[in-house]
PDB file of N, CA and C in Angstrom:
ATOM      1  N   MET A   1      -4.339  12.065  10.674  1.00  0.00           N
ATOM      2  CA  MET A   1      -5.408  11.706  12.388  1.00  0.00           C
ATOM      3  C   MET A   1      -6.913  11.920  11.730  1.00  0.00           C
ATOM      4  N   ALA A   2      -7.478  10.913  12.717  1.00  0.00           N
ATOM      5  CA  ALA A   2      -8.933  10.485  12.598  1.00  0.00           C
ATOM      6  C   ALA A   2      -9.916  10.658  13.149  1.00  0.00           C
ATOM      7  N   ILE A   3     -10.444  11.871  13.308  1.00  0.00           N
ATOM      8  CA  ILE A   3     -11.342  12.372  14.550  1.00  0.00           C
ATOM      9  C   ILE A   3     -12.952  11.078  14.241  1.00  0.00           C
ATOM     10  N   LYS A   4     -13.369   9.917  15.239  1.00  0.00           N
ATOM     11  CA  LYS A   4     -14.659   9.571  14.877  1.00  0.00           C
ATOM     12  C   LYS A   4     -15.521  10.463  15.430  1.00  0.00           C
ATOM     13  N   ASN A   5     -16.761  10.345  15.601  1.00  0.00           N
ATOM     14  CA  ASN A   5     -17.879  10.656  16.568  1.00  0.00           C
ATOM     15  C   ASN A   5     -18.862   9.042  17.028  1.00  0.00           C
ATOM     16  N   GLN A   6     -18.164   9.130  17.900  1.00  0.00           N
ATOM     17  CA  GLN A   6     -18.716   8.127  18.953  1.00  0.00           C
ATOM     18  C   GLN A   6     -20.485   7.062  18.815  1.00  0.00           C
ATOM     19  N   ASN A   7     -20.752   9.004  18.658  1.00  0.00           N
ATOM     20  CA  ASN A   7     -22.366   8.912  18.417  1.00  0.00           C
ATOM     21  C   ASN A   7     -23.038   8.314  17.296  1.00  0.00           C
ATOM     22  N   ILE A   8     -22.598   8.756  16.212  1.00  0.00           N
ATOM     23  CA  ILE A   8     -23.036   8.397  15.059  1.00  0.00           C
ATOM     24  C   ILE A   8     -22.397   7.766  13.490  1.00  0.00           C
ATOM     25  N   GLY A   9     -20.424   7.726  14.097  1.00  0.00           N
ATOM     26  CA  GLY A   9     -20.117   7.125  13.009  1.00  0.00           C
ATOM     27  C   GLY A   9     -19.597   8.036  12.230  1.00  0.00           C
ATOM     28  N   ILE A  10     -19.626   9.240  12.044  1.00  0.00           N
ATOM     29  CA  ILE A  10     -18.761   9.993  11.257  1.00  0.00           C
ATOM     30  C   ILE A  10     -17.828   9.856  11.414  1.00  0.00           C
ATOM     31  N   ARG A  11     -16.029   9.892  10.487  1.00  0.00           N
ATOM     32  CA  ARG A  11     -14.959  10.005  10.482  1.00  0.00           C
ATOM     33  C   ARG A  11     -14.654  10.919   9.620  1.00  0.00           C
ATOM     34  N   VAL A  12     -14.094  12.336  10.511  1.00  0.00           N
ATOM     35  CA  VAL A  12     -13.127  12.778   9.829  1.00  0.00           C
ATOM     36  C   VAL A  12     -11.555  12.605   9.576  1.00  0.00           C
ATOM     37  N   THR A  13     -11.060  12.723   8.369  1.00  0.00           N
ATOM     38  CA  THR A  13      -9.142  12.557   8.661  1.00  0.00           C
ATOM     39  C   THR A  13      -8.616  13.725   7.988  1.00  0.00           C
ATOM     40  N   ARG A  14      -7.950  14.209   8.830  1.00  0.00           N
ATOM     41  CA  ARG A  14      -7.521  15.656   8.316  1.00  0.00           C
ATOM     42  C   ARG A  14      -6.163  14.587   7.793  1.00  0.00           C
ATOM     43  N   TRP A  15      -5.962  16.600   6.633  1.00  0.00           N
ATOM     44  CA  TRP A  15      -5.053  15.640   5.584  1.00  0.00           C
ATOM     45  C   TRP A  15      -3.539  16.497   5.866  1.00  0.00           C
ATOM     46  N   THR A  16      -2.559  15.830   5.700  1.00  0.00           N
ATOM     47  CA  THR A  16      -1.312  15.657   6.516  1.00  0.00           C
ATOM     48  C   THR A  16      -0.209  15.326   5.390  1.00  0.00           C
ATOM     49  N   GLY A  17      -0.655  15.275   3.965  1.00  0.00           N
ATOM     50  CA  GLY A  17       0.254  15.135   2.733  1.00  0.00           C
ATOM     51  C   GLY A  17       0.888  16.638   3.501  1.00  0.00           C
ATOM     52  N   GLY A  18       2.438  16.651   2.525  1.00  0.00           N
ATOM     53  CA  GLY A  18       3.697  17.706   2.814  1.00  0.00           C
ATOM     54  C   GLY A  18       2.971  18.733   2.093  1.00  0.00           C
ATOM     55  N   GLN A  19       2.175  18.570   0.489  1.00  0.00           N
ATOM     56  CA  GLN A  19       1.637  19.560  -0.217  1.00  0.00           C
ATOM     57  C   GLN A  19       0.539  20.332  -0.214  1.00  0.00           C
ATOM     58  N   HIS A  20       0.293  20.808  -0.169  1.00  0.00           N
ATOM     59  CA  HIS A  20      -1.143  21.506  -0.755  1.00  0.00           C
ATOM     60  C   HIS A  20      -2.417  20.907  -1.536  1.00  0.00           C
ATOM     61  N   PRO A  21      -3.141  20.100  -1.010  1.00  0.00           N
ATOM     62  CA  PRO A  21      -4.192  19.157  -1.354  1.00  0.00           C
ATOM     63  C   PRO A  21      -4.460  19.552  -2.865  1.00  0.00           C
ATOM     64  N   THR A  22      -4.651  19.198  -3.965  1.00  0.00           N
ATOM     65  CA  THR A  22      -4.782  19.550  -5.043  1.00  0.00           C
ATOM     66  C   THR A  22      -6.722  18.434  -5.308  1.00  0.00           C
ATOM     67  N   LEU A  23      -7.410  19.018  -6.629  1.00  0.00           N
ATOM     68  CA  LEU A  23      -8.331  18.151  -7.517  1.00  0.00           C
ATOM     69  C   LEU A  23      -7.738  17.135  -7.400  1.00  0.00           C
ATOM     70  N   SER A  24      -6.451  17.120  -8.590  1.00  0.00           N
ATOM     71  CA  SER A  24      -6.028  15.837  -9.135  1.00  0.00           C
ATOM     72  C   SER A  24      -6.090  15.067  -8.115  1.00  0.00           C
ATOM     73  N   THR A  25      -4.653  15.555  -7.291  1.00  0.00           N
ATOM     74  CA  THR A  25      -4.312  15.196  -5.851  1.00  0.00           C
ATOM     75  C   THR A  25      -5.750  13.544  -4.823  1.00  0.00           C
ATOM     76  N   ILE A  26      -6.310  14.325  -4.921  1.00  0.00           N
ATOM     77  CA  ILE A  26      -8.133  13.708  -3.920  1.00  0.00           C
ATOM     78  C   ILE A  26      -9.206  12.350  -4.830  1.00  0.00           C
ATOM     79  N   THR A  27      -8.749  13.321  -6.428  1.00  0.00           N
ATOM     80  CA  THR A  27      -9.733  12.255  -6.966  1.00  0.00           C
ATOM     81  C   THR A  27      -9.011  11.039  -7.681  1.00  0.00           C
ATOM     82  N   ARG A  28      -7.528  11.500  -7.501  1.00  0.00           N
ATOM     83  CA  ARG A  28      -6.560   9.945  -7.884  1.00  0.00           C
ATOM     84  C   ARG A  28      -6.173   8.939  -7.056  1.00  0.00           C
ATOM     85  N   GLU A  29      -6.482   9.522  -5.441  1.00  0.00           N
ATOM     86  CA  GLU A  29      -7.156   8.932  -3.978  1.00  0.00           C
ATOM     87  C   GLU A  29      -8.381   8.123  -3.873  1.00  0.00           C
ATOM     88  N   MET A  30      -9.130   9.076  -4.523  1.00  0.00           N
ATOM     89  CA  MET A  30     -10.466   8.335  -4.432  1.00  0.00           C
ATOM     90  C   MET A  30     -10.657   7.123  -5.366  1.00  0.00           C
ATOM     91  N   LYS A  31     -10.179   7.523  -6.221  1.00  0.00           N
ATOM     92  CA  LYS A  31     -10.221   6.193  -7.392  1.00  0.00           C
ATOM     93  C   LYS A  31      -9.819   5.044  -7.190  1.00  0.00           C
ATOM     94  N   LYS A  32      -9.043   4.724  -6.517  1.00  0.00           N
ATOM     95  CA  LYS A  32      -7.677   4.223  -6.214  1.00  0.00           C
ATOM     96  C   LYS A  32      -8.899   3.374  -5.165  1.00  0.00           C
ATOM     97  N   GLU A  33      -9.422   3.809  -4.668  1.00  0.00           N
ATOM     98  CA  GLU A  33     -10.699   2.941  -3.729  1.00  0.00           C
ATOM     99  C   GLU A  33     -11.446   2.432  -4.760  1.00  0.00           C
ATOM    100  N   GLY A  34     -11.609   2.912  -5.594  1.00  0.00           N
ATOM    101  CA  GLY A  34     -12.541   2.530  -6.347  1.00  0.00           C
ATOM    102  C   GLY A  34     -13.829   3.541  -6.683  1.00  0.00           C
ATOM    103  N   LEU A  35     -13.887   4.357  -5.935  1.00  0.00           N
ATOM    104  CA  LEU A  35     -14.823   5.398  -6.023  1.00  0.00           C
ATOM    105  C   LEU A  35     -15.000   6.121  -7.145  1.00  0.00           C
ATOM    106  N   ARG A  36     -15.921   6.739  -7.436  1.00  0.00           N
ATOM    107  CA  ARG A  36     -16.355   7.364  -8.921  1.00  0.00           C
ATOM    108  C   ARG A  36     -16.796   9.105  -8.015  1.00  0.00           C
ATOM    109  N   PRO A  37     -15.627  10.077  -8.229  1.00  0.00           N
ATOM    110  CA  PRO A  37     -16.300  11.147  -7.743  1.00  0.00           C
ATOM    111  C   PRO A  37     -16.505  11.790  -8.425  1.00  0.00           C
ATOM    112  N   TYR A  38     -17.362  13.156  -8.151  1.00  0.00           N
ATOM    113  CA  TYR A  38     -17.617  14.307  -9.100  1.00  0.00           C
ATOM    114  C   TYR A  38     -17.437  15.153  -7.792  1.00  0.00           C
ATOM    115  N   MET A  39     -17.773  16.534  -8.896  1.00  0.00           N
ATOM    116  CA  MET A  39     -16.667  17.420  -7.927  1.00  0.00           C
ATOM    117  C   MET A  39     -17.883  19.170  -7.895  1.00  0.00           C
ATOM    118  N   TRP A  40     -17.998  19.506  -6.438  1.00  0.00           N
ATOM    119  CA  TRP A  40     -19.181  20.190  -6.795  1.00  0.00           C
ATOM    120  C   TRP A  40     -18.463  22.059  -5.675  1.00  0.00           C
ATOM    121  N   MET A  41     -19.501  22.613  -6.142  1.00  0.00           N
ATOM    122  CA  MET A  41     -18.824  24.161  -5.149  1.00  0.00           C
ATOM    123  C   MET A  41     -19.956  24.731  -5.097  1.00  0.00           C
ATOM    124  N   ASN A  42     -19.642  25.837  -4.013  1.00  0.00           N
ATOM    125  CA  ASN A  42     -20.873  26.804  -3.551  1.00  0.00           C
ATOM    126  C   ASN A  42     -20.340  27.740  -3.085  1.00  0.00           C
ATOM    127  N   MET A  43     -21.106  28.799  -3.298  1.00  0.00           N
ATOM    128  CA  MET A  43     -20.407  30.663  -2.544  1.00  0.00           C
ATOM    129  C   MET A  43     -20.627  30.394  -1.381  1.00  0.00           C
ATOM    130  N   PRO A  44     -20.118  31.688  -1.648  1.00  0.00           N
ATOM    131  CA  PRO A  44     -19.999  31.792   0.704  1.00  0.00           C
ATOM    132  C   PRO A  44     -20.986  31.630   0.790  1.00  0.00           C
ATOM    133  N   ASN A  45     -20.816  30.896   2.117  1.00  0.00           N
ATOM    134  CA  ASN A  45     -22.207  30.934   3.108  1.00  0.00           C
ATOM    135  C   ASN A  45     -23.235  30.212   2.552  1.00  0.00           C
ATOM    136  N   HIS A  46     -23.163  29.101   1.640  1.00  0.00           N
ATOM    137  CA  HIS A  46     -24.353  28.525   1.452  1.00  0.00           C
ATOM    138  C   HIS A  46     -24.592  27.121   1.999  1.00  0.00           C
ATOM    139  N   ARG A  47     -26.133  27.232   2.748  1.00  0.00           N
ATOM    140  CA  ARG A  47     -25.930  26.081   3.741  1.00  0.00           C
ATOM    141  C   ARG A  47     -27.684  24.803   3.045  1.00  0.00           C
ATOM    142  N   TYR A  48     -27.418  23.847   3.384  1.00  0.00           N
ATOM    143  CA  TYR A  48     -27.716  22.527   3.061  1.00  0.00           C
ATOM    144  C   TYR A  48     -28.306  22.163   3.972  1.00  0.00           C
ATOM    145  N   ALA A  49     -29.454  22.082   4.019  1.00  0.00           N
ATOM    146  CA  ALA A  49     -30.724  22.149   5.031  1.00  0.00           C
ATOM    147  C   ALA A  49     -30.308  20.517   5.380  1.00  0.00           C
ATOM    148  N   VAL A  50     -30.377  20.046   6.968  1.00  0.00           N
ATOM    149  CA  VAL A  50     -30.275  18.451   7.781  1.00  0.00           C
ATOM    150  C   VAL A  50     -31.175  18.125   6.424  1.00  0.00           C
ATOM    151  N   ARG A  51     -30.514  16.794   5.352  1.00  0.00           N
ATOM    152  CA  ARG A  51     -30.872  15.458   5.292  1.00  0.00           C
ATOM    153  C   ARG A  51     -30.339  14.264   5.540  1.00  0.00           C
ATOM    154  N   SER A  52     -30.609  13.008   5.257  1.00  0.00           N
ATOM    155  CA  SER A  52     -29.589  12.008   4.755  1.00  0.00           C
ATOM    156  C   SER A  52     -30.150  10.869   3.724  1.00  0.00           C
ATOM    157  N   HIS A  53     -28.578  10.323   3.665  1.00  0.00           N
ATOM    158  CA  HIS A  53     -29.088   9.736   2.354  1.00  0.00           C
ATOM    159  C   HIS A  53     -28.835   8.091   2.530  1.00  0.00           C
ATOM    160  N   GLY A  54     -29.221   7.302   1.837  1.00  0.00           N
ATOM    161  CA  GLY A  54     -29.026   5.573   1.322  1.00  0.00           C
ATOM    162  C   GLY A  54     -28.069   5.040   1.094  1.00  0.00           C
ATOM    163  N   TYR A  55     -26.979   5.956   0.936  1.00  0.00           N
ATOM    164  CA  TYR A  55     -25.705   5.290   1.232  1.00  0.00           C
ATOM    165  C   TYR A  55     -24.192   6.020   1.533  1.00  0.00           C
ATOM    166  N   ASP A  56     -23.625   5.180   2.079  1.00  0.00           N
ATOM    167  CA  ASP A  56     -21.657   5.740   2.673  1.00  0.00           C
ATOM    168  C   ASP A  56     -21.400   6.674   1.848  1.00  0.00           C
ATOM    169  N   LYS A  57     -21.636   7.839   2.342  1.00  0.00           N
ATOM    170  CA  LYS A  57     -20.832   9.112   1.385  1.00  0.00           C
ATOM    171  C   LYS A  57     -18.995   9.280   1.669  1.00  0.00           C
ATOM    172  N   VAL A  58     -17.592   9.341   1.017  1.00  0.00           N
ATOM    173  CA  VAL A  58     -17.189   9.535   0.939  1.00  0.00           C
ATOM    174  C   VAL A  58     -16.920  11.616   0.604  1.00  0.00           C
ATOM    175  N   LEU A  59     -17.051  12.360   1.074  1.00  0.00           N
ATOM    176  CA  LEU A  59     -16.838  13.944   1.032  1.00  0.00           C
ATOM    177  C   LEU A  59     -14.982  14.695   1.255  1.00  0.00           C
ATOM    178  N   TYR A  60     -14.040  15.182  -0.120  1.00  0.00           N
ATOM    179  CA  TYR A  60     -12.842  15.786   0.407  1.00  0.00           C
ATOM    180  C   TYR A  60     -13.295  17.284   0.579  1.00  0.00           C
ATOM    181  N   VAL A  61     -12.719  17.771   0.997  1.00  0.00           N
ATOM    182  CA  VAL A  61     -12.490  20.013   0.423  1.00  0.00           C
ATOM    183  C   VAL A  61     -11.783  20.038   0.147  1.00  0.00           C
ATOM    184  N   VAL A  62     -11.546  20.446  -1.355  1.00  0.00           N
ATOM    185  CA  VAL A  62     -10.633  20.686  -2.139  1.00  0.00           C
ATOM    186  C   VAL A  62     -10.333  22.158  -1.504  1.00  0.00           C
ATOM    187  N   GLU A  63     -10.584  23.035  -1.712  1.00  0.00           N
ATOM    188  CA  GLU A  63     -10.720  24.209  -1.146  1.00  0.00           C
ATOM    189  C   GLU A  63     -11.642  25.273  -0.496  1.00  0.00           C
ATOM    190  N   GLY A  64     -11.566  26.198   0.038  1.00  0.00           N
ATOM    191  CA  GLY A  64     -12.337  26.682   1.156  1.00  0.00           C
ATOM    192  C   GLY A  64     -12.806  25.888   2.333  1.00  0.00           C
ATOM    193  N   MET A  65     -13.770  26.154   2.788  1.00  0.00           N
ATOM    194  CA  MET A  65     -14.066  25.802   4.668  1.00  0.00           C
ATOM    195  C   MET A  65     -15.113  25.003   4.196  1.00  0.00           C
ATOM    196  N   VAL A  66     -15.791  23.627   4.724  1.00  0.00           N
ATOM    197  CA  VAL A  66     -16.858  23.349   5.055  1.00  0.00           C
ATOM    198  C   VAL A  66     -17.355  22.803   6.361  1.00  0.00           C
ATOM    199  N   GLU A  67     -18.619  22.931   6.950  1.00  0.00           N
ATOM    200  CA  GLU A  67     -18.620  22.485   8.768  1.00  0.00           C
ATOM    201  C   GLU A  67     -19.890  21.648   8.248  1.00  0.00           C
ATOM    202  N   ILE A  68     -19.701  20.786   9.027  1.00  0.00           N
ATOM    203  CA  ILE A  68     -21.377  19.310   8.857  1.00  0.00           C
ATOM    204  C   ILE A  68     -21.979  19.497  10.370  1.00  0.00           C
ATOM    205  N   VAL A  69     -22.754  19.734  10.187  1.00  0.00           N
ATOM    206  CA  VAL A  69     -23.903  19.798  10.704  1.00  0.00           C
ATOM    207  C   VAL A  69     -24.475  18.636  11.379  1.00  0.00           C
ATOM    208  N   LEU A  70     -24.059  17.329  12.612  1.00  0.00           N
ATOM    209  CA  LEU A  70     -24.758  16.661  12.939  1.00  0.00           C
ATOM    210  C   LEU A  70     -25.653  16.933  14.381  1.00  0.00           C
ATOM    211  N   PRO A  71     -27.382  17.749  13.461  1.00  0.00           N
ATOM    212  CA  PRO A  71     -28.187  17.477  14.730  1.00  0.00           C
ATOM    213  C   PRO A  71     -28.801  16.809  16.071  1.00  0.00           C
ATOM    214  N   ASP A  72     -28.794  15.602  15.503  1.00  0.00           N
ATOM    215  CA  ASP A  72     -28.959  14.842  17.383  1.00  0.00           C
ATOM    216  C   ASP A  72     -28.121  14.593  17.379  1.00  0.00           C
ATOM    217  N   SER A  73     -26.512  15.571  17.284  1.00  0.00           N
ATOM    218  CA  SER A  73     -25.806  15.068  18.561  1.00  0.00           C
ATOM    219  C   SER A  73     -26.190  16.342  18.666  1.00  0.00           C
ATOM    220  N   ASN A  74     -26.133  17.347  18.208  1.00  0.00           N
ATOM    221  CA  ASN A  74     -25.312  19.279  18.749  1.00  0.00           C
ATOM    222  C   ASN A  74     -24.350  19.482  18.148  1.00  0.00           C
ATOM    223  N   GLN A  75     -23.557  18.663  16.815  1.00  0.00           N
ATOM    224  CA  GLN A  75     -22.164  18.596  17.654  1.00  0.00           C
ATOM    225  C   GLN A  75     -22.075  19.371  15.203  1.00  0.00           C
ATOM    226  N   ARG A  76     -20.865  19.842  15.709  1.00  0.00           N
ATOM    227  CA  ARG A  76     -19.947  20.407  14.149  1.00  0.00           C
ATOM    228  C   ARG A  76     -18.713  20.145  13.971  1.00  0.00           C
ATOM    229  N   MET A  77     -18.480  19.712  12.674  1.00  0.00           N
ATOM    230  CA  MET A  77     -17.375  19.791  12.522  1.00  0.00           C
ATOM    231  C   MET A  77     -16.624  20.669  11.424  1.00  0.00           C
ATOM    232  N   ARG A  78     -15.716  21.096  11.052  1.00  0.00           N
ATOM    233  CA  ARG A  78     -14.743  22.229  10.441  1.00  0.00           C
ATOM    234  C   ARG A  78     -14.055  21.130   9.443  1.00  0.00           C
ATOM    235  N   MET A  79     -14.105  21.418   8.316  1.00  0.00           N
ATOM    236  CA  MET A  79     -13.461  20.643   7.183  1.00  0.00           C
ATOM    237  C   MET A  79     -12.668  21.734   6.840  1.00  0.00           C
ATOM    238  N   ARG A  80     -10.994  21.857   6.887  1.00  0.00           N
ATOM    239  CA  ARG A  80     -10.401  22.422   5.575  1.00  0.00           C
ATOM    240  C   ARG A  80     -10.113  21.604   4.332  1.00  0.00           C
ATOM    241  N   PRO A  81      -9.356  21.787   3.416  1.00  0.00           N
ATOM    242  CA  PRO A  81      -8.393  21.215   2.372  1.00  0.00           C
ATOM    243  C   PRO A  81      -7.034  20.138   2.982  1.00  0.00           C
ATOM    244  N   GLY A  82      -7.919  19.381   2.049  1.00  0.00           N
ATOM    245  CA  GLY A  82      -7.479  17.665   2.070  1.00  0.00           C
ATOM    246  C   GLY A  82      -8.973  17.205   2.879  1.00  0.00           C
ATOM    247  N   ASP A  83      -9.329  17.161   4.188  1.00  0.00           N
ATOM    248  CA  ASP A  83     -10.023  16.779   4.680  1.00  0.00           C
ATOM    249  C   ASP A  83     -11.070  15.617   4.115  1.00  0.00           C
ATOM    250  N   ARG A  84     -11.237  14.470   5.070  1.00  0.00           N
ATOM    251  CA  ARG A  84     -11.838  13.626   4.914  1.00  0.00           C
ATOM    252  C   ARG A  84     -13.243  13.081   5.568  1.00  0.00           C
ATOM    253  N   ALA A  85     -14.094  13.244   4.971  1.00  0.00           N
ATOM    254  CA  ALA A  85     -15.464  12.931   6.316  1.00  0.00           C
ATOM    255  C   ALA A  85     -16.217  11.402   4.882  1.00  0.00           C
ATOM    256  N   ASP A  86     -15.694  10.341   6.016  1.00  0.00           N
ATOM    257  CA  ASP A  86     -16.728   9.496   6.160  1.00  0.00           C
ATOM    258  C   ASP A  86     -18.069   9.256   6.498  1.00  0.00           C
ATOM    259  N   ILE A  87     -19.368   9.407   5.793  1.00  0.00           N
ATOM    260  CA  ILE A  87     -20.407  10.028   6.302  1.00  0.00           C
ATOM    261  C   ILE A  87     -21.704   8.710   6.196  1.00  0.00           C
ATOM    262  N   PRO A  88     -21.687   7.909   7.862  1.00  0.00           N
ATOM    263  CA  PRO A  88     -21.893   6.729   6.632  1.00  0.00           C
ATOM    264  C   PRO A  88     -24.507   6.497   6.184  1.00  0.00           C
ATOM    265  N   ALA A  89     -24.706   5.499   5.466  1.00  0.00           N
ATOM    266  CA  ALA A  89     -25.764   5.870   5.676  1.00  0.00           C
ATOM    267  C   ALA A  89     -26.701   6.378   6.312  1.00  0.00           C
ATOM    268  N   GLY A  90     -27.738   6.717   6.307  1.00  0.00           N
ATOM    269  CA  GLY A  90     -28.582   7.567   6.480  1.00  0.00           C
ATOM    270  C   GLY A  90     -28.252   8.649   8.016  1.00  0.00           C
ATOM    271  N   THR A  91     -27.451   8.969   8.377  1.00  0.00           N
ATOM    272  CA  THR A  91     -27.116   9.584   9.425  1.00  0.00           C
ATOM    273  C   THR A  91     -27.867  11.125   8.767  1.00  0.00           C
ATOM    274  N   ARG A  92     -28.308  11.634   9.717  1.00  0.00           N
ATOM    275  CA  ARG A  92     -28.642  13.470   9.688  1.00  0.00           C
ATOM    276  C   ARG A  92     -27.128  13.984   9.716  1.00  0.00           C
ATOM    277  N   HIS A  93     -27.317  15.228   8.602  1.00  0.00           N
ATOM    278  CA  HIS A  93     -26.264  16.260   8.497  1.00  0.00           C
ATOM    279  C   HIS A  93     -26.617  17.292   8.051  1.00  0.00           C
ATOM    280  N   GLY A  94     -26.003  18.709   8.127  1.00  0.00           N
ATOM    281  CA  GLY A  94     -26.777  19.602   7.000  1.00  0.00           C
ATOM    282  C   GLY A  94     -25.342  19.721   6.891  1.00  0.00           C
ATOM    283  N   THR A  95     -25.124  20.749   5.862  1.00  0.00           N
ATOM    284  CA  THR A  95     -23.395  21.290   5.467  1.00  0.00           C
ATOM    285  C   THR A  95     -23.592  23.061   5.057  1.00  0.00           C
ATOM    286  N   ILE A  96     -23.108  23.549   5.999  1.00  0.00           N
ATOM    287  CA  ILE A  96     -22.310  24.816   6.059  1.00  0.00           C
ATOM    288  C   ILE A  96     -21.414  25.236   5.032  1.00  0.00           C
ATOM    289  N   VAL A  97     -21.313  25.808   3.688  1.00  0.00           N
ATOM    290  CA  VAL A  97     -20.332  26.210   3.674  1.00  0.00           C
ATOM    291  C   VAL A  97     -19.616  27.597   4.151  1.00  0.00           C
ATOM    292  N   GLY A  98     -18.358  27.811   4.275  1.00  0.00           N
ATOM    293  CA  GLY A  98     -17.298  29.288   4.449  1.00  0.00           C
ATOM    294  C   GLY A  98     -17.546  29.968   4.142  1.00  0.00           C
ATOM    295  N   THR A  99     -16.878  31.067   5.026  1.00  0.00           N
ATOM    296  CA  THR A  99     -17.437  32.595   4.036  1.00  0.00           C
ATOM    297  C   THR A  99     -16.281  32.271   2.931  1.00  0.00           C
ATOM    298  N   GLY A 100     -15.456  32.512   2.285  1.00  0.00           N
ATOM    299  CA  GLY A 100     -14.940  32.114   1.099  1.00  0.00           C
ATOM    300  C   GLY A 100     -15.151  30.933   0.333  1.00  0.00           C
ATOM    301  N   GLY A 101     -16.355  31.069   0.350  1.00  0.00           N
ATOM    302  CA  GLY A 101     -17.143  29.494  -0.359  1.00  0.00           C
ATOM    303  C   GLY A 101     -16.351  28.121  -0.001  1.00  0.00           C
ATOM    304  N   ALA A 102     -16.549  27.252  -1.204  1.00  0.00           N
ATOM    305  CA  ALA A 102     -15.633  25.731  -0.839  1.00  0.00           C
ATOM    306  C   ALA A 102     -16.003  25.011  -2.499  1.00  0.00           C
ATOM    307  N   LYS A 103     -14.782  23.788  -2.507  1.00  0.00           N
ATOM    308  CA  LYS A 103     -14.566  23.006  -4.001  1.00  0.00           C
ATOM    309  C   LYS A 103     -14.908  22.076  -3.044  1.00  0.00           C
ATOM    310  N   CYS A 104     -15.776  20.741  -3.270  1.00  0.00           N
ATOM    311  CA  CYS A 104     -15.158  19.301  -2.385  1.00  0.00           C
ATOM    312  C   CYS A 104     -15.313  18.465  -3.761  1.00  0.00           C
ATOM    313  N   VAL A 105     -15.632  17.291  -2.982  1.00  0.00           N
ATOM    314  CA  VAL A 105     -15.443  15.761  -3.950  1.00  0.00           C
ATOM    315  C   VAL A 105     -15.888  14.983  -2.896  1.00  0.00           C
ATOM    316  N   GLU A 106     -17.259  14.415  -4.145  1.00  0.00           N
ATOM    317  CA  GLU A 106     -17.166  13.270  -3.302  1.00  0.00           C
ATOM    318  C   GLU A 106     -17.880  11.835  -4.532  1.00  0.00           C
ATOM    319  N   ALA A 107     -18.015  11.317  -3.449  1.00  0.00           N
ATOM    320  CA  ALA A 107     -18.608   9.650  -4.358  1.00  0.00           C
ATOM    321  C   ALA A 107     -19.560   9.109  -2.703  1.00  0.00           C
ATOM    322  N   SER A 108     -20.468   8.439  -3.655  1.00  0.00           N
ATOM    323  CA  SER A 108     -21.343   7.315  -2.993  1.00  0.00           C
ATOM    324  C   SER A 108     -20.377   5.899  -2.721  1.00  0.00           C
ATOM    325  N   MET A 109     -20.074   5.239  -1.118  1.00  0.00           N
ATOM    326  CA  MET A 109     -19.540   4.198  -1.431  1.00  0.00           C
ATOM    327  C   MET A 109     -20.552   2.952  -1.140  1.00  0.00           C
ATOM    328  N   ALA A 110     -20.391   2.018  -2.627  1.00  0.00           N
ATOM    329  CA  ALA A 110     -21.020   1.094  -2.315  1.00  0.00           C
ATOM    330  C   ALA A 110     -20.552  -0.476  -0.945  1.00  0.00           C
ATOM    331  N   ARG A 111     -21.996  -0.936  -0.064  1.00  0.00           N
ATOM    332  CA  ARG A 111     -21.725  -1.454   1.084  1.00  0.00           C
ATOM    333  C   ARG A 111     -20.435  -2.457   0.689  1.00  0.00           C
ATOM    334  N   ARG A 112     -20.136  -3.385   1.599  1.00  0.00           N
ATOM    335  CA  ARG A 112     -19.711  -4.742   0.741  1.00  0.00           C
ATOM    336  C   ARG A 112     -20.266  -5.511   1.830  1.00  0.00           C
TER     337      ARG A 112
END
C-alpha cells in the first residue's frame, strides 16, 4: 500500500512481504531498479536537520523506526522495517530516528 503526500509528492510504500525484510532482500530489490544503495545506521533519537537534495531519493528502513518530518506541510510520516519513501528532489524534510535506533538503506534516483 502506498501513501502519497499530495502537496509535496513524497510517497511511502508499506512493506507487504510475508517475511521480515532483510538488508539483502531490500538491496536486491533496489539493484533491480538500477539503484546503487548504501546503508547507514544511527543511535536512538538521532535527528537530522531539515534539508533538501538536488536528486530524487529512495529510502528503506531495514531495522528500527524512522520518522520523516515535512516542515512545509507540518506532517510526519513514521516508517518501520521494509517501508520505502520516495522523496523528490528539492523536498524539504528532516528525520528523527526512533528510540531503538535505525538501520536504513538509501540511494539517489537518476531523473529520466
